[in-house]
Amino acid sequence: METAAVNLNDFKSTLKDKEPPTGVSPLLKALWWEAKGDWEKAHTIAQDIGSSEAAWVHAYLHRKEGDEWNAGYWYSRAGKAKFKGSFEEEWEGIVSELLS
């Protein structure tokens, strides 16, 4: 397990590992697990946090799941417009913001 990533490329490079990097926020861990294919684990983490950033991650997860209505609700809670680009673009945008 590596230590906390400092930028998007560093974070993405940890996806080869079996566990998320140490020292990153729970929301970054949620996005890490989602990128590894464990949507349920990601969702469990995101739904237990009450911040606007968590609502954004939650929105992304429901959009990825295909639940557009639920995603819309969470985008609203996050104060964000529904994302129109690719899942990868949104994932990278959220990770970059959470890392900054």
PDB file of N, CA and C in Angstrom:
ATOM      1  N   MET A   1       0.840  -1.171   0.000  1.00  0.00           N
ATOM      2  CA  MET A   1       0.000   0.000   0.000  1.00  0.00           C
ATOM      3  C   MET A   1       0.891   1.242   0.000  1.00  0.00           C
ATOM      4  N   GLU A   2       0.595   2.158  -0.899  1.00  0.00           N
ATOM      5  CA  GLU A   2       1.374   3.381  -1.011  1.00  0.00           C
ATOM      6  C   GLU A   2       0.794   4.474  -0.121  1.00  0.00           C
ATOM      7  N   THR A   3       1.585   5.541   0.048  1.00  0.00           N
ATOM      8  CA  THR A   3       1.090   6.682   0.813  1.00  0.00           C
ATOM      9  C   THR A   3       0.231   7.559  -0.084  1.00  0.00           C
ATOM     10  N   ALA A   4      -0.379   8.562   0.511  1.00  0.00           N
ATOM     11  CA  ALA A   4      -1.333   9.418  -0.193  1.00  0.00           C
ATOM     12  C   ALA A   4      -0.779   9.970  -1.498  1.00  0.00           C
ATOM     13  N   ALA A   5      -1.618   9.910  -2.514  1.00  0.00           N
ATOM     14  CA  ALA A   5      -1.278  10.464  -3.815  1.00  0.00           C
ATOM     15  C   ALA A   5      -1.331  11.981  -3.752  1.00  0.00           C
ATOM     16  N   VAL A   6      -0.509  12.641  -4.567  1.00  0.00           N
ATOM     17  CA  VAL A   6      -0.485  14.100  -4.550  1.00  0.00           C
ATOM     18  C   VAL A   6      -1.139  14.717  -5.779  1.00  0.00           C
ATOM     19  N   ASN A   7      -1.332  13.946  -6.831  1.00  0.00           N
ATOM     20  CA  ASN A   7      -2.011  14.459  -8.015  1.00  0.00           C
ATOM     21  C   ASN A   7      -2.779  13.325  -8.693  1.00  0.00           C
ATOM     22  N   LEU A   8      -3.525  13.690  -9.718  1.00  0.00           N
ATOM     23  CA  LEU A   8      -4.383  12.717 -10.400  1.00  0.00           C
ATOM     24  C   LEU A   8      -3.593  11.526 -10.928  1.00  0.00           C
ATOM     25  N   ASN A   9      -2.477  11.785 -11.597  1.00  0.00           N
ATOM     26  CA  ASN A   9      -1.697  10.672 -12.157  1.00  0.00           C
ATOM     27  C   ASN A   9      -1.156   9.753 -11.073  1.00  0.00           C
ATOM     28  N   ASP A  10      -0.688  10.334  -9.965  1.00  0.00           N
ATOM     29  CA  ASP A  10      -0.229   9.510  -8.845  1.00  0.00           C
ATOM     30  C   ASP A  10      -1.374   8.641  -8.324  1.00  0.00           C
ATOM     31  N   PHE A  11      -2.543   9.265  -8.159  1.00  0.00           N
ATOM     32  CA  PHE A  11      -3.705   8.539  -7.649  1.00  0.00           C
ATOM     33  C   PHE A  11      -4.085   7.409  -8.595  1.00  0.00           C
ATOM     34  N   LYS A  12      -4.139   7.709  -9.889  1.00  0.00           N
ATOM     35  CA  LYS A  12      -4.496   6.678 -10.873  1.00  0.00           C
ATOM     36  C   LYS A  12      -3.484   5.537 -10.869  1.00  0.00           C
ATOM     37  N   SER A  13      -2.220   5.852 -10.615  1.00  0.00           N
ATOM     38  CA  SER A  13      -1.194   4.804 -10.620  1.00  0.00           C
ATOM     39  C   SER A  13      -1.385   3.813  -9.476  1.00  0.00           C
ATOM     40  N   THR A  14      -2.116   4.202  -8.421  1.00  0.00           N
ATOM     41  CA  THR A  14      -2.350   3.287  -7.305  1.00  0.00           C
ATOM     42  C   THR A  14      -3.443   2.270  -7.610  1.00  0.00           C
ATOM     43  N   LEU A  15      -4.137   2.435  -8.720  1.00  0.00           N
ATOM     44  CA  LEU A  15      -5.199   1.490  -9.064  1.00  0.00           C
ATOM     45  C   LEU A  15      -4.667   0.093  -9.353  1.00  0.00           C
ATOM     46  N   LYS A  16      -3.366  -0.025  -9.522  1.00  0.00           N
ATOM     47  CA  LYS A  16      -2.759  -1.354  -9.711  1.00  0.00           C
ATOM     48  C   LYS A  16      -2.614  -2.098  -8.382  1.00  0.00           C
ATOM     49  N   ASP A  17      -2.735  -1.360  -7.274  1.00  0.00           N
ATOM     50  CA  ASP A  17      -2.562  -1.943  -5.946  1.00  0.00           C
ATOM     51  C   ASP A  17      -3.843  -2.657  -5.489  1.00  0.00           C
ATOM     52  N   LYS A  18      -3.711  -3.422  -4.405  1.00  0.00           N
ATOM     53  CA  LYS A  18      -4.861  -4.159  -3.868  1.00  0.00           C
ATOM     54  C   LYS A  18      -5.686  -3.333  -2.904  1.00  0.00           C
ATOM     55  N   GLU A  19      -5.115  -2.293  -2.352  1.00  0.00           N
ATOM     56  CA  GLU A  19      -5.790  -1.429  -1.390  1.00  0.00           C
ATOM     57  C   GLU A  19      -5.560   0.019  -1.792  1.00  0.00           C
ATOM     58  N   PRO A  20      -6.481   0.916  -1.422  1.00  0.00           N
ATOM     59  CA  PRO A  20      -6.281   2.330  -1.753  1.00  0.00           C
ATOM     60  C   PRO A  20      -5.070   2.896  -1.019  1.00  0.00           C
ATOM     61  N   PRO A  21      -4.527   3.985  -1.515  1.00  0.00           N
ATOM     62  CA  PRO A  21      -3.366   4.566  -0.850  1.00  0.00           C
ATOM     63  C   PRO A  21      -3.723   5.031   0.562  1.00  0.00           C
ATOM     64  N   THR A  22      -2.762   4.937   1.469  1.00  0.00           N
ATOM     65  CA  THR A  22      -2.998   5.411   2.831  1.00  0.00           C
ATOM     66  C   THR A  22      -2.978   6.932   2.843  1.00  0.00           C
ATOM     67  N   GLY A  23      -3.707   7.486   3.765  1.00  0.00           N
ATOM     68  CA  GLY A  23      -3.685   8.927   3.940  1.00  0.00           C
ATOM     69  C   GLY A  23      -4.613   9.712   3.034  1.00  0.00           C
ATOM     70  N   VAL A  24      -5.412   9.037   2.200  1.00  0.00           N
ATOM     71  CA  VAL A  24      -6.375   9.773   1.375  1.00  0.00           C
ATOM     72  C   VAL A  24      -7.723   9.798   2.085  1.00  0.00           C
ATOM     73  N   SER A  25      -8.550  10.750   1.706  1.00  0.00           N
ATOM     74  CA  SER A  25      -9.867  10.901   2.335  1.00  0.00           C
ATOM     75  C   SER A  25     -10.768   9.708   2.013  1.00  0.00           C
ATOM     76  N   PRO A  26     -11.791   9.506   2.845  1.00  0.00           N
ATOM     77  CA  PRO A  26     -12.751   8.442   2.550  1.00  0.00           C
ATOM     78  C   PRO A  26     -13.391   8.591   1.161  1.00  0.00           C
ATOM     79  N   LEU A  27     -13.652   9.820   0.718  1.00  0.00           N
ATOM     80  CA  LEU A  27     -14.258   9.999  -0.607  1.00  0.00           C
ATOM     81  C   LEU A  27     -13.310   9.583  -1.718  1.00  0.00           C
ATOM     82  N   LEU A  28     -12.033   9.855  -1.558  1.00  0.00           N
ATOM     83  CA  LEU A  28     -11.067   9.371  -2.553  1.00  0.00           C
ATOM     84  C   LEU A  28     -10.991   7.852  -2.522  1.00  0.00           C
ATOM     85  N   LYS A  29     -11.103   7.265  -1.335  1.00  0.00           N
ATOM     86  CA  LYS A  29     -11.141   5.801  -1.250  1.00  0.00           C
ATOM     87  C   LYS A  29     -12.377   5.265  -1.969  1.00  0.00           C
ATOM     88  N   ALA A  30     -13.515   5.951  -1.810  1.00  0.00           N
ATOM     89  CA  ALA A  30     -14.732   5.521  -2.504  1.00  0.00           C
ATOM     90  C   ALA A  30     -14.525   5.530  -4.005  1.00  0.00           C
ATOM     91  N   LEU A  31     -13.943   6.602  -4.527  1.00  0.00           N
ATOM     92  CA  LEU A  31     -13.701   6.685  -5.973  1.00  0.00           C
ATOM     93  C   LEU A  31     -12.663   5.658  -6.421  1.00  0.00           C
ATOM     94  N   TRP A  32     -11.699   5.375  -5.569  1.00  0.00           N
ATOM     95  CA  TRP A  32     -10.693   4.356  -5.873  1.00  0.00           C
ATOM     96  C   TRP A  32     -11.377   2.994  -6.010  1.00  0.00           C
ATOM     97  N   TRP A  33     -12.247   2.660  -5.030  1.00  0.00           N
ATOM     98  CA  TRP A  33     -12.941   1.368  -5.079  1.00  0.00           C
ATOM     99  C   TRP A  33     -13.845   1.274  -6.304  1.00  0.00           C
ATOM    100  N   GLU A  34     -14.509   2.378  -6.635  1.00  0.00           N
ATOM    101  CA  GLU A  34     -15.372   2.355  -7.819  1.00  0.00           C
ATOM    102  C   GLU A  34     -14.546   2.086  -9.074  1.00  0.00           C
ATOM    103  N   ALA A  35     -13.394   2.721  -9.167  1.00  0.00           N
ATOM    104  CA  ALA A  35     -12.525   2.514 -10.334  1.00  0.00           C
ATOM    105  C   ALA A  35     -12.018   1.074 -10.405  1.00  0.00           C
ATOM    106  N   LYS A  36     -11.950   0.414  -9.260  1.00  0.00           N
ATOM    107  CA  LYS A  36     -11.523  -0.991  -9.211  1.00  0.00           C
ATOM    108  C   LYS A  36     -12.694  -1.940  -9.460  1.00  0.00           C
ATOM    109  N   GLY A  37     -13.910  -1.368  -9.655  1.00  0.00           N
ATOM    110  CA  GLY A  37     -15.059  -2.202  -9.962  1.00  0.00           C
ATOM    111  C   GLY A  37     -15.929  -2.564  -8.776  1.00  0.00           C
ATOM    112  N   ASP A  38     -15.656  -1.984  -7.609  1.00  0.00           N
ATOM    113  CA  ASP A  38     -16.460  -2.298  -6.421  1.00  0.00           C
ATOM    114  C   ASP A  38     -17.403  -1.126  -6.126  1.00  0.00           C
ATOM    115  N   TRP A  39     -18.475  -1.034  -6.918  1.00  0.00           N
ATOM    116  CA  TRP A  39     -19.456   0.040  -6.778  1.00  0.00           C
ATOM    117  C   TRP A  39     -20.087   0.038  -5.389  1.00  0.00           C
ATOM    118  N   GLU A  40     -20.421  -1.138  -4.888  1.00  0.00           N
ATOM    119  CA  GLU A  40     -21.087  -1.250  -3.585  1.00  0.00           C
ATOM    120  C   GLU A  40     -20.229  -0.675  -2.468  1.00  0.00           C
ATOM    121  N   LYS A  41     -18.962  -1.009  -2.456  1.00  0.00           N
ATOM    122  CA  LYS A  41     -18.062  -0.497  -1.422  1.00  0.00           C
ATOM    123  C   LYS A  41     -17.966   1.021  -1.535  1.00  0.00           C
ATOM    124  N   ALA A  42     -17.850   1.520  -2.761  1.00  0.00           N
ATOM    125  CA  ALA A  42     -17.779   2.964  -2.995  1.00  0.00           C
ATOM    126  C   ALA A  42     -19.042   3.653  -2.491  1.00  0.00           C
ATOM    127  N   HIS A  43     -20.183   3.075  -2.801  1.00  0.00           N
ATOM    128  CA  HIS A  43     -21.464   3.654  -2.402  1.00  0.00           C
ATOM    129  C   HIS A  43     -21.618   3.658  -0.888  1.00  0.00           C
ATOM    130  N   THR A  44     -21.234   2.584  -0.237  1.00  0.00           N
ATOM    131  CA  THR A  44     -21.318   2.502   1.217  1.00  0.00           C
ATOM    132  C   THR A  44     -20.512   3.622   1.868  1.00  0.00           C
ATOM    133  N   ILE A  45     -19.335   3.892   1.346  1.00  0.00           N
ATOM    134  CA  ILE A  45     -18.501   4.974   1.892  1.00  0.00           C
ATOM    135  C   ILE A  45     -19.169   6.321   1.661  1.00  0.00           C
ATOM    136  N   ALA A  46     -19.564   6.594   0.429  1.00  0.00           N
ATOM    137  CA  ALA A  46     -20.096   7.915   0.068  1.00  0.00           C
ATOM    138  C   ALA A  46     -21.405   8.225   0.778  1.00  0.00           C
ATOM    139  N   GLN A  47     -22.273   7.248   0.946  1.00  0.00           N
ATOM    140  CA  GLN A  47     -23.584   7.522   1.525  1.00  0.00           C
ATOM    141  C   GLN A  47     -23.518   7.834   3.006  1.00  0.00           C
ATOM    142  N   ASP A  48     -22.420   7.512   3.657  1.00  0.00           N
ATOM    143  CA  ASP A  48     -22.297   7.765   5.090  1.00  0.00           C
ATOM    144  C   ASP A  48     -21.636   9.097   5.420  1.00  0.00           C
ATOM    145  N   ILE A  49     -21.367   9.929   4.416  1.00  0.00           N
ATOM    146  CA  ILE A  49     -20.725  11.233   4.624  1.00  0.00           C
ATOM    147  C   ILE A  49     -21.714  12.313   4.202  1.00  0.00           C
ATOM    148  N   GLY A  50     -21.833  13.354   4.999  1.00  0.00           N
ATOM    149  CA  GLY A  50     -22.867  14.352   4.768  1.00  0.00           C
ATOM    150  C   GLY A  50     -22.430  15.629   4.077  1.00  0.00           C
ATOM    151  N   SER A  51     -21.276  15.658   3.455  1.00  0.00           N
ATOM    152  CA  SER A  51     -20.783  16.887   2.827  1.00  0.00           C
ATOM    153  C   SER A  51     -21.279  17.034   1.388  1.00  0.00           C
ATOM    154  N   SER A  52     -21.117  18.249   0.850  1.00  0.00           N
ATOM    155  CA  SER A  52     -21.478  18.463  -0.559  1.00  0.00           C
ATOM    156  C   SER A  52     -20.552  17.661  -1.481  1.00  0.00           C
ATOM    157  N   GLU A  53     -19.296  17.486  -1.078  1.00  0.00           N
ATOM    158  CA  GLU A  53     -18.378  16.662  -1.877  1.00  0.00           C
ATOM    159  C   GLU A  53     -18.865  15.212  -1.918  1.00  0.00           C
ATOM    160  N   ALA A  54     -19.364  14.721  -0.794  1.00  0.00           N
ATOM    161  CA  ALA A  54     -19.899  13.354  -0.750  1.00  0.00           C
ATOM    162  C   ALA A  54     -21.133  13.236  -1.627  1.00  0.00           C
ATOM    163  N   ALA A  55     -21.961  14.275  -1.635  1.00  0.00           N
ATOM    164  CA  ALA A  55     -23.141  14.267  -2.508  1.00  0.00           C
ATOM    165  C   ALA A  55     -22.715  14.198  -3.968  1.00  0.00           C
ATOM    166  N   TRP A  56     -21.626  14.883  -4.323  1.00  0.00           N
ATOM    167  CA  TRP A  56     -21.106  14.847  -5.693  1.00  0.00           C
ATOM    168  C   TRP A  56     -20.637  13.442  -6.058  1.00  0.00           C
ATOM    169  N   VAL A  57     -19.883  12.819  -5.153  1.00  0.00           N
ATOM    170  CA  VAL A  57     -19.434  11.441  -5.394  1.00  0.00           C
ATOM    171  C   VAL A  57     -20.649  10.528  -5.496  1.00  0.00           C
ATOM    172  N   HIS A  58     -21.610  10.710  -4.632  1.00  0.00           N
ATOM    173  CA  HIS A  58     -22.831   9.909  -4.627  1.00  0.00           C
ATOM    174  C   HIS A  58     -23.575  10.071  -5.958  1.00  0.00           C
ATOM    175  N   ALA A  59     -23.647  11.310  -6.448  1.00  0.00           N
ATOM    176  CA  ALA A  59     -24.290  11.579  -7.740  1.00  0.00           C
ATOM    177  C   ALA A  59     -23.580  10.831  -8.860  1.00  0.00           C
ATOM    178  N   TYR A  60     -22.267  10.927  -8.884  1.00  0.00           N
ATOM    179  CA  TYR A  60     -21.477  10.224  -9.905  1.00  0.00           C
ATOM    180  C   TYR A  60     -21.759   8.721  -9.852  1.00  0.00           C
ATOM    181  N   LEU A  61     -21.767   8.167  -8.652  1.00  0.00           N
ATOM    182  CA  LEU A  61     -21.991   6.722  -8.511  1.00  0.00           C
ATOM    183  C   LEU A  61     -23.356   6.314  -9.054  1.00  0.00           C
ATOM    184  N   HIS A  62     -24.387   7.105  -8.764  1.00  0.00           N
ATOM    185  CA  HIS A  62     -25.717   6.749  -9.268  1.00  0.00           C
ATOM    186  C   HIS A  62     -25.818   6.973 -10.779  1.00  0.00           C
ATOM    187  N   ARG A  63     -25.126   7.966 -11.297  1.00  0.00           N
ATOM    188  CA  ARG A  63     -25.089   8.145 -12.761  1.00  0.00           C
ATOM    189  C   ARG A  63     -24.417   6.934 -13.396  1.00  0.00           C
ATOM    190  N   LYS A  64     -23.336   6.499 -12.803  1.00  0.00           N
ATOM    191  CA  LYS A  64     -22.606   5.334 -13.330  1.00  0.00           C
ATOM    192  C   LYS A  64     -23.476   4.085 -13.261  1.00  0.00           C
ATOM    193  N   GLU A  65     -24.283   4.000 -12.217  1.00  0.00           N
ATOM    194  CA  GLU A  65     -25.192   2.865 -12.033  1.00  0.00           C
ATOM    195  C   GLU A  65     -26.327   2.890 -13.059  1.00  0.00           C
ATOM    196  N   GLY A  66     -26.607   4.073 -13.613  1.00  0.00           N
ATOM    197  CA  GLY A  66     -27.703   4.209 -14.564  1.00  0.00           C
ATOM    198  C   GLY A  66     -28.981   4.739 -13.948  1.00  0.00           C
ATOM    199  N   ASP A  67     -28.925   5.141 -12.690  1.00  0.00           N
ATOM    200  CA  ASP A  67     -30.083   5.673 -11.984  1.00  0.00           C
ATOM    201  C   ASP A  67     -30.064   7.200 -12.107  1.00  0.00           C
ATOM    202  N   GLU A  68     -30.559   7.705 -13.228  1.00  0.00           N
ATOM    203  CA  GLU A  68     -30.487   9.140 -13.533  1.00  0.00           C
ATOM    204  C   GLU A  68     -31.289   9.989 -12.554  1.00  0.00           C
ATOM    205  N   TRP A  69     -32.455   9.503 -12.119  1.00  0.00           N
ATOM    206  CA  TRP A  69     -33.247  10.285 -11.178  1.00  0.00           C
ATOM    207  C   TRP A  69     -32.495  10.477  -9.870  1.00  0.00           C
ATOM    208  N   ASN A  70     -31.971   9.395  -9.323  1.00  0.00           N
ATOM    209  CA  ASN A  70     -31.229   9.453  -8.062  1.00  0.00           C
ATOM    210  C   ASN A  70     -29.972  10.299  -8.229  1.00  0.00           C
ATOM    211  N   ALA A  71     -29.292  10.155  -9.353  1.00  0.00           N
ATOM    212  CA  ALA A  71     -28.108  10.969  -9.625  1.00  0.00           C
ATOM    213  C   ALA A  71     -28.485  12.443  -9.618  1.00  0.00           C
ATOM    214  N   GLY A  72     -29.595  12.785 -10.261  1.00  0.00           N
ATOM    215  CA  GLY A  72     -30.046  14.167 -10.293  1.00  0.00           C
ATOM    216  C   GLY A  72     -30.291  14.735  -8.907  1.00  0.00           C
ATOM    217  N   TYR A  73     -30.887  13.919  -8.045  1.00  0.00           N
ATOM    218  CA  TYR A  73     -31.122  14.340  -6.667  1.00  0.00           C
ATOM    219  C   TYR A  73     -29.799  14.682  -5.992  1.00  0.00           C
ATOM    220  N   TRP A  74     -28.794  13.819  -6.151  1.00  0.00           N
ATOM    221  CA  TRP A  74     -27.513  14.028  -5.476  1.00  0.00           C
ATOM    222  C   TRP A  74     -26.715  15.169  -6.103  1.00  0.00           C
ATOM    223  N   TYR A  75     -26.836  15.357  -7.411  1.00  0.00           N
ATOM    224  CA  TYR A  75     -26.187  16.535  -8.023  1.00  0.00           C
ATOM    225  C   TYR A  75     -26.776  17.805  -7.406  1.00  0.00           C
ATOM    226  N   SER A  76     -28.084  17.815  -7.220  1.00  0.00           N
ATOM    227  CA  SER A  76     -28.747  18.964  -6.613  1.00  0.00           C
ATOM    228  C   SER A  76     -28.223  19.199  -5.199  1.00  0.00           C
ATOM    229  N   ARG A  77     -28.113  18.137  -4.424  1.00  0.00           N
ATOM    230  CA  ARG A  77     -27.587  18.246  -3.051  1.00  0.00           C
ATOM    231  C   ARG A  77     -26.149  18.742  -3.045  1.00  0.00           C
ATOM    232  N   ALA A  78     -25.395  18.390  -4.092  1.00  0.00           N
ATOM    233  CA  ALA A  78     -23.997  18.812  -4.189  1.00  0.00           C
ATOM    234  C   ALA A  78     -23.850  20.235  -4.712  1.00  0.00           C
ATOM    235  N   GLY A  79     -24.941  20.788  -5.247  1.00  0.00           N
ATOM    236  CA  GLY A  79     -24.860  22.111  -5.858  1.00  0.00           C
ATOM    237  C   GLY A  79     -24.157  22.077  -7.203  1.00  0.00           C
ATOM    238  N   LYS A  80     -24.252  20.949  -7.888  1.00  0.00           N
ATOM    239  CA  LYS A  80     -23.587  20.745  -9.179  1.00  0.00           C
ATOM    240  C   LYS A  80     -24.627  20.468 -10.259  1.00  0.00           C
ATOM    241  N   ALA A  81     -24.312  20.893 -11.471  1.00  0.00           N
ATOM    242  CA  ALA A  81     -25.142  20.534 -12.620  1.00  0.00           C
ATOM    243  C   ALA A  81     -24.885  19.073 -12.967  1.00  0.00           C
ATOM    244  N   LYS A  82     -25.904  18.413 -13.523  1.00  0.00           N
ATOM    245  CA  LYS A  82     -25.705  17.038 -13.993  1.00  0.00           C
ATOM    246  C   LYS A  82     -24.558  17.021 -14.989  1.00  0.00           C
ATOM    247  N   PHE A  83     -23.631  16.102 -14.799  1.00  0.00           N
ATOM    248  CA  PHE A  83     -22.470  16.019 -15.673  1.00  0.00           C
ATOM    249  C   PHE A  83     -22.873  15.404 -17.002  1.00  0.00           C
ATOM    250  N   LYS A  84     -22.406  15.987 -18.084  1.00  0.00           N
ATOM    251  CA  LYS A  84     -22.787  15.526 -19.430  1.00  0.00           C
ATOM    252  C   LYS A  84     -21.679  14.766 -20.149  1.00  0.00           C
ATOM    253  N   GLY A  85     -20.450  14.804 -19.619  1.00  0.00           N
ATOM    254  CA  GLY A  85     -19.329  14.133 -20.281  1.00  0.00           C
ATOM    255  C   GLY A  85     -19.249  12.662 -19.937  1.00  0.00           C
ATOM    256  N   SER A  86     -18.091  12.088 -20.191  1.00  0.00           N
ATOM    257  CA  SER A  86     -17.876  10.659 -19.943  1.00  0.00           C
ATOM    258  C   SER A  86     -17.706  10.399 -18.442  1.00  0.00           C
ATOM    259  N   PHE A  87     -17.884   9.157 -18.069  1.00  0.00           N
ATOM    260  CA  PHE A  87     -17.654   8.763 -16.683  1.00  0.00           C
ATOM    261  C   PHE A  87     -16.205   9.044 -16.301  1.00  0.00           C
ATOM    262  N   GLU A  88     -15.283   8.730 -17.201  1.00  0.00           N
ATOM    263  CA  GLU A  88     -13.861   8.955 -16.911  1.00  0.00           C
ATOM    264  C   GLU A  88     -13.572  10.433 -16.670  1.00  0.00           C
ATOM    265  N   GLU A  89     -14.146  11.298 -17.496  1.00  0.00           N
ATOM    266  CA  GLU A  89     -13.936  12.737 -17.311  1.00  0.00           C
ATOM    267  C   GLU A  89     -14.467  13.202 -15.956  1.00  0.00           C
ATOM    268  N   GLU A  90     -15.641  12.718 -15.594  1.00  0.00           N
ATOM    269  CA  GLU A  90     -16.201  13.134 -14.315  1.00  0.00           C
ATOM    270  C   GLU A  90     -15.387  12.580 -13.156  1.00  0.00           C
ATOM    271  N   TRP A  91     -15.022  11.318 -13.213  1.00  0.00           N
ATOM    272  CA  TRP A  91     -14.213  10.692 -12.166  1.00  0.00           C
ATOM    273  C   TRP A  91     -12.922  11.478 -11.971  1.00  0.00           C
ATOM    274  N   GLU A  92     -12.254  11.790 -13.085  1.00  0.00           N
ATOM    275  CA  GLU A  92     -10.991  12.527 -12.998  1.00  0.00           C
ATOM    276  C   GLU A  92     -11.205  13.933 -12.418  1.00  0.00           C
ATOM    277  N   GLY A  93     -12.304  14.571 -12.795  1.00  0.00           N
ATOM    278  CA  GLY A  93     -12.599  15.903 -12.267  1.00  0.00           C
ATOM    279  C   GLY A  93     -12.840  15.889 -10.766  1.00  0.00           C
ATOM    280  N   ILE A  94     -13.599  14.908 -10.311  1.00  0.00           N
ATOM    281  CA  ILE A  94     -13.879  14.808  -8.870  1.00  0.00           C
ATOM    282  C   ILE A  94     -12.589  14.495  -8.114  1.00  0.00           C
ATOM    283  N   VAL A  95     -11.829  13.521  -8.590  1.00  0.00           N
ATOM    284  CA  VAL A  95     -10.583  13.166  -7.924  1.00  0.00           C
ATOM    285  C   VAL A  95      -9.649  14.367  -7.867  1.00  0.00           C
ATOM    286  N   SER A  96      -9.501  15.071  -8.983  1.00  0.00           N
ATOM    287  CA  SER A  96      -8.613  16.233  -9.008  1.00  0.00           C
ATOM    288  C   SER A  96      -9.038  17.284  -7.981  1.00  0.00           C
ATOM    289  N   GLU A  97     -10.330  17.526  -7.899  1.00  0.00           N
ATOM    290  CA  GLU A  97     -10.803  18.526  -6.929  1.00  0.00           C
ATOM    291  C   GLU A  97     -10.590  18.040  -5.499  1.00  0.00           C
ATOM    292  N   LEU A  98     -10.844  16.786  -5.241  1.00  0.00           N
ATOM    293  CA  LEU A  98     -10.654  16.267  -3.880  1.00  0.00           C
ATOM    294  C   LEU A  98      -9.183  16.224  -3.472  1.00  0.00           C
ATOM    295  N   LEU A  99      -8.302  16.081  -4.441  1.00  0.00           N
ATOM    296  CA  LEU A  99      -6.874  16.070  -4.147  1.00  0.00           C
ATOM    297  C   LEU A  99      -6.322  17.478  -3.901  1.00  0.00           C
ATOM    298  N   SER A 100      -7.024  18.503  -4.409  1.00  0.00           N
ATOM    299  CA  SER A 100      -6.493  19.869  -4.282  1.00  0.00           C
ATOM    300  C   SER A 100      -6.809  20.500  -2.932  1.00  0.00           C
TER     301      SER A 100
END
